[in-house]
């Protein structure tokens, strides 16, 4: 029986990696817009469509020093914490 590792080579859990991937995809979608519109759009999308547990998990990941989150997404996530 094969065991799937719970973290990747960078220490990301599968759940964290999925959330980072998702938030970066959202940031890529909004990146062509002016900065403020992009950050607001990312924030709005996450607020509307992400479960509070998902928002809490990505916030905890960032607070723990997690990396790999697009800067636009990071700014939007910081606003969600306000």
N, C-alpha and C. Protein backbone atom coordinates (compact mmCIF):
# COMPACT_ATOMS: atom_id res chain seq x y z
N UNK A 1 0.84 -1.18 0.00
CA UNK A 1 0.00 0.00 0.00
C UNK A 1 0.89 1.25 0.00
N UNK A 2 0.56 2.19 -0.86
CA UNK A 2 1.32 3.43 -0.99
C UNK A 2 0.71 4.49 -0.07
N UNK A 3 1.57 5.27 0.56
CA UNK A 3 1.11 6.34 1.44
C UNK A 3 1.38 7.66 0.75
N UNK A 4 0.37 8.50 0.64
CA UNK A 4 0.50 9.82 0.05
C UNK A 4 0.99 10.77 1.12
N UNK A 5 2.09 11.49 0.87
CA UNK A 5 2.59 12.41 1.90
C UNK A 5 1.59 13.53 2.16
N UNK A 6 1.56 13.98 3.42
CA UNK A 6 0.61 15.03 3.78
C UNK A 6 1.17 16.42 3.48
N UNK A 7 2.44 16.50 3.15
CA UNK A 7 3.03 17.79 2.77
C UNK A 7 3.89 17.59 1.53
N UNK A 8 4.11 18.70 0.79
CA UNK A 8 4.98 18.62 -0.37
C UNK A 8 6.41 18.95 0.06
N UNK A 9 7.31 19.08 -0.90
CA UNK A 9 8.71 19.33 -0.58
C UNK A 9 8.95 20.70 0.04
N UNK A 10 7.97 21.59 -0.03
CA UNK A 10 8.10 22.92 0.55
C UNK A 10 7.37 23.02 1.89
N UNK A 11 6.85 21.92 2.40
CA UNK A 11 6.15 21.92 3.67
C UNK A 11 4.69 22.31 3.58
N UNK A 12 4.16 22.45 2.37
CA UNK A 12 2.75 22.78 2.19
C UNK A 12 1.91 21.53 2.34
N UNK A 13 0.86 21.63 3.13
CA UNK A 13 -0.08 20.51 3.15
C UNK A 13 -0.86 20.54 1.84
N UNK A 14 -1.49 19.45 1.51
CA UNK A 14 -2.29 19.39 0.28
C UNK A 14 -3.39 20.46 0.31
N UNK A 15 -4.00 20.66 1.47
CA UNK A 15 -5.06 21.67 1.60
C UNK A 15 -4.52 23.08 1.41
N UNK A 16 -3.37 23.37 2.03
CA UNK A 16 -2.76 24.69 1.87
C UNK A 16 -2.37 24.92 0.41
N UNK A 17 -1.77 23.93 -0.21
CA UNK A 17 -1.35 24.06 -1.60
C UNK A 17 -2.54 24.34 -2.50
N UNK A 18 -3.66 23.68 -2.24
CA UNK A 18 -4.87 23.88 -3.05
C UNK A 18 -5.39 25.31 -2.87
N UNK A 19 -5.41 25.81 -1.64
CA UNK A 19 -5.89 27.17 -1.40
C UNK A 19 -4.97 28.20 -2.04
N UNK A 20 -3.66 27.99 -1.94
CA UNK A 20 -2.71 28.91 -2.57
C UNK A 20 -2.92 28.89 -4.08
N UNK A 21 -3.09 27.72 -4.65
CA UNK A 21 -3.35 27.60 -6.09
C UNK A 21 -4.62 28.36 -6.46
N UNK A 22 -5.67 28.16 -5.69
CA UNK A 22 -6.95 28.79 -5.99
C UNK A 22 -6.86 30.31 -5.90
N UNK A 23 -6.27 30.83 -4.83
CA UNK A 23 -6.20 32.28 -4.66
C UNK A 23 -5.30 32.89 -5.73
N UNK A 24 -4.26 32.18 -6.14
CA UNK A 24 -3.40 32.69 -7.20
C UNK A 24 -4.12 32.67 -8.55
N UNK A 25 -4.99 31.71 -8.79
CA UNK A 25 -5.79 31.69 -10.01
C UNK A 25 -6.73 32.90 -10.05
N UNK A 26 -7.33 33.22 -8.92
CA UNK A 26 -8.21 34.38 -8.83
C UNK A 26 -7.40 35.65 -9.11
N UNK A 27 -6.22 35.74 -8.50
CA UNK A 27 -5.36 36.91 -8.72
C UNK A 27 -4.96 37.03 -10.19
N UNK A 28 -4.68 35.93 -10.84
CA UNK A 28 -4.32 35.95 -12.27
C UNK A 28 -5.48 36.50 -13.09
N UNK A 29 -6.69 36.10 -12.75
CA UNK A 29 -7.86 36.59 -13.47
C UNK A 29 -7.99 38.11 -13.36
N UNK A 30 -7.77 38.66 -12.18
CA UNK A 30 -7.96 40.09 -11.94
C UNK A 30 -6.72 40.92 -12.26
N UNK A 31 -5.59 40.31 -12.52
CA UNK A 31 -4.32 41.02 -12.67
C UNK A 31 -4.30 42.05 -13.80
N UNK A 32 -5.12 41.89 -14.81
CA UNK A 32 -5.12 42.82 -15.93
C UNK A 32 -5.85 44.13 -15.60
N UNK A 33 -6.55 44.15 -14.49
CA UNK A 33 -7.27 45.35 -14.08
C UNK A 33 -6.33 46.30 -13.33
N UNK A 34 -6.71 47.58 -13.22
CA UNK A 34 -5.91 48.50 -12.40
C UNK A 34 -5.77 47.93 -10.98
N UNK A 35 -4.68 48.28 -10.34
CA UNK A 35 -4.33 47.68 -9.04
C UNK A 35 -5.49 47.64 -8.06
N UNK A 36 -6.09 48.79 -7.80
CA UNK A 36 -7.16 48.85 -6.79
C UNK A 36 -8.36 47.99 -7.19
N UNK A 37 -8.72 48.02 -8.45
CA UNK A 37 -9.82 47.18 -8.94
C UNK A 37 -9.50 45.70 -8.79
N UNK A 38 -8.26 45.35 -9.07
CA UNK A 38 -7.85 43.95 -8.97
C UNK A 38 -7.93 43.47 -7.52
N UNK A 39 -7.37 44.24 -6.61
CA UNK A 39 -7.38 43.84 -5.19
C UNK A 39 -8.82 43.78 -4.68
N UNK A 40 -9.63 44.76 -5.02
CA UNK A 40 -11.04 44.76 -4.60
C UNK A 40 -11.79 43.58 -5.18
N UNK A 41 -11.52 43.26 -6.43
CA UNK A 41 -12.18 42.13 -7.08
C UNK A 41 -11.82 40.81 -6.43
N UNK A 42 -10.54 40.64 -6.10
CA UNK A 42 -10.09 39.42 -5.42
C UNK A 42 -10.75 39.32 -4.05
N UNK A 43 -10.71 40.42 -3.32
CA UNK A 43 -11.33 40.44 -1.99
C UNK A 43 -12.81 40.08 -2.07
N UNK A 44 -13.51 40.70 -2.99
CA UNK A 44 -14.94 40.45 -3.15
C UNK A 44 -15.21 38.99 -3.50
N UNK A 45 -14.44 38.46 -4.43
CA UNK A 45 -14.63 37.07 -4.83
C UNK A 45 -14.44 36.12 -3.64
N UNK A 46 -13.39 36.33 -2.90
CA UNK A 46 -13.11 35.45 -1.75
C UNK A 46 -14.20 35.59 -0.71
N UNK A 47 -14.62 36.81 -0.44
CA UNK A 47 -15.68 37.05 0.56
C UNK A 47 -16.99 36.37 0.14
N UNK A 48 -17.32 36.45 -1.15
CA UNK A 48 -18.59 35.90 -1.63
C UNK A 48 -18.59 34.38 -1.79
N UNK A 49 -17.47 33.83 -2.26
CA UNK A 49 -17.49 32.44 -2.70
C UNK A 49 -16.67 31.46 -1.86
N UNK A 50 -15.85 31.96 -0.97
CA UNK A 50 -15.08 31.06 -0.13
C UNK A 50 -15.78 30.87 1.21
N UNK A 51 -15.86 29.66 1.64
CA UNK A 51 -16.39 29.32 2.95
C UNK A 51 -15.51 29.99 4.02
N UNK A 52 -16.10 30.43 5.14
CA UNK A 52 -15.29 31.05 6.20
C UNK A 52 -14.12 30.17 6.65
N UNK A 53 -14.29 28.86 6.62
CA UNK A 53 -13.18 27.97 7.01
C UNK A 53 -12.02 28.07 6.04
N UNK A 54 -12.33 28.24 4.75
CA UNK A 54 -11.28 28.40 3.74
C UNK A 54 -10.54 29.72 3.97
N UNK A 55 -11.29 30.78 4.23
CA UNK A 55 -10.66 32.08 4.48
C UNK A 55 -9.78 32.02 5.72
N UNK A 56 -10.26 31.37 6.75
CA UNK A 56 -9.48 31.24 7.99
C UNK A 56 -8.21 30.41 7.74
N UNK A 57 -8.34 29.35 6.97
CA UNK A 57 -7.18 28.48 6.70
C UNK A 57 -6.09 29.21 5.91
N UNK A 58 -6.47 29.98 4.88
CA UNK A 58 -5.46 30.71 4.12
C UNK A 58 -4.86 31.83 4.96
N UNK A 59 -5.67 32.47 5.81
CA UNK A 59 -5.15 33.51 6.70
C UNK A 59 -4.14 32.91 7.69
N UNK A 60 -4.48 31.75 8.27
CA UNK A 60 -3.57 31.08 9.20
C UNK A 60 -2.28 30.67 8.50
N UNK A 61 -2.41 30.21 7.26
CA UNK A 61 -1.24 29.83 6.47
C UNK A 61 -0.30 31.03 6.30
N UNK A 62 -0.84 32.18 5.97
CA UNK A 62 -0.03 33.38 5.77
C UNK A 62 0.58 33.83 7.10
N UNK A 63 -0.21 33.83 8.15
CA UNK A 63 0.29 34.25 9.47
C UNK A 63 1.41 33.34 9.96
N UNK A 64 1.39 32.09 9.53
CA UNK A 64 2.44 31.13 9.92
C UNK A 64 3.68 31.26 9.04
N UNK A 65 3.68 32.26 8.15
CA UNK A 65 4.84 32.48 7.30
C UNK A 65 4.78 31.77 5.96
N UNK A 66 3.59 31.28 5.62
CA UNK A 66 3.43 30.59 4.34
C UNK A 66 3.76 31.50 3.18
N UNK A 67 4.33 30.92 2.14
CA UNK A 67 4.74 31.69 0.97
C UNK A 67 4.05 31.17 -0.28
N UNK A 68 4.26 31.90 -1.37
CA UNK A 68 3.74 31.47 -2.66
C UNK A 68 2.44 32.15 -3.06
N UNK A 69 1.92 33.01 -2.20
CA UNK A 69 0.67 33.72 -2.50
C UNK A 69 1.00 34.96 -3.33
N UNK A 70 0.32 35.12 -4.46
CA UNK A 70 0.49 36.27 -5.33
C UNK A 70 0.34 37.57 -4.52
N UNK A 71 1.17 38.59 -4.79
CA UNK A 71 1.08 39.84 -4.02
C UNK A 71 -0.30 40.51 -4.06
N UNK A 72 -0.99 40.48 -5.20
CA UNK A 72 -2.35 41.04 -5.25
C UNK A 72 -3.29 40.27 -4.33
N UNK A 73 -3.17 38.95 -4.36
CA UNK A 73 -4.00 38.11 -3.50
C UNK A 73 -3.68 38.37 -2.04
N UNK A 74 -2.40 38.51 -1.74
CA UNK A 74 -1.98 38.76 -0.36
C UNK A 74 -2.59 40.07 0.15
N UNK A 75 -2.57 41.09 -0.68
CA UNK A 75 -3.16 42.38 -0.29
C UNK A 75 -4.66 42.23 -0.05
N UNK A 76 -5.33 41.50 -0.91
CA UNK A 76 -6.77 41.28 -0.73
C UNK A 76 -7.04 40.49 0.54
N UNK A 77 -6.24 39.48 0.80
CA UNK A 77 -6.41 38.68 2.01
C UNK A 77 -6.14 39.49 3.26
N UNK A 78 -5.17 40.39 3.20
CA UNK A 78 -4.90 41.28 4.34
C UNK A 78 -6.12 42.16 4.62
N UNK A 79 -6.79 42.60 3.59
CA UNK A 79 -8.00 43.41 3.78
C UNK A 79 -9.14 42.61 4.44
N UNK A 80 -9.21 41.35 4.10
CA UNK A 80 -10.26 40.50 4.71
C UNK A 80 -10.08 40.40 6.21
N UNK A 81 -8.85 40.50 6.66
CA UNK A 81 -8.57 40.37 8.09
C UNK A 81 -8.97 41.62 8.86
N UNK A 82 -9.17 42.73 8.15
CA UNK A 82 -9.53 44.00 8.83
C UNK A 82 -10.95 43.97 9.35
